[in-house]
Structure formats: structure tokens, C-alpha cells
Amino acid sequence: MNELDRLRSEINGLDRDLIDILARRMRCVERIAEVKRNEGTPTHVPGREDAVRRAWADESERRGLDPRPMLSILDTILEMSKQRQEEMR
């Protein structure tokens, strides 16, 4: 296997890891939805979302990543999470 193929294989593995992490995150979201439903807590808590966005931006910058596209990715993840929680209401 040449260097390019090896690196592509590594990327493929990292992509699988990302999908696994997102699936685990969604399972946690489902547990959160159950707790919120039982406690009567609203699905969307703006202060929490703002804190998560700040943490992502800060961590992205610390790792030398442009926070703008990272926040775009986060927005998609948060939208998926809110949608799943609403489905479980």
C-alpha cells in the first residue's frame, strides 16, 4: 500500500469513528429527552446551546481549527438532537 492509500485508509477509519461518536451522542440525547419528558423540561434550552457553541469555538481555536465551519457542523448536530428530542415528546 502506498502512502496515499494508507492515509486514505486512515481517513476512512476516522470517518467511521466520527459516525460512532455521533451515534453514541444521539443515544445520550435520547436519554436526555426521557429525563426532560419526565421532568417537564422544555426540549430547547437556549442558554445550554449558547454554552455548547462557546465551548466548541474555544476548543476549535485551541486545536488550530477555524471555529466557523466547526460551528456549522455543531449546528447540524444540535438540529439533529432537537429533532430527535421532539420526536420523543
Foldseek 3Di string as FASTA:
>chain_A
DDPVVVVVVVVVVVVVVVVVVLVVVLVVLVVVLVVCVVVVNDLDDPVVVVVVLVVQCVVCVVVVHHSVVVVVVVVVSVVVSSVSSVVVD
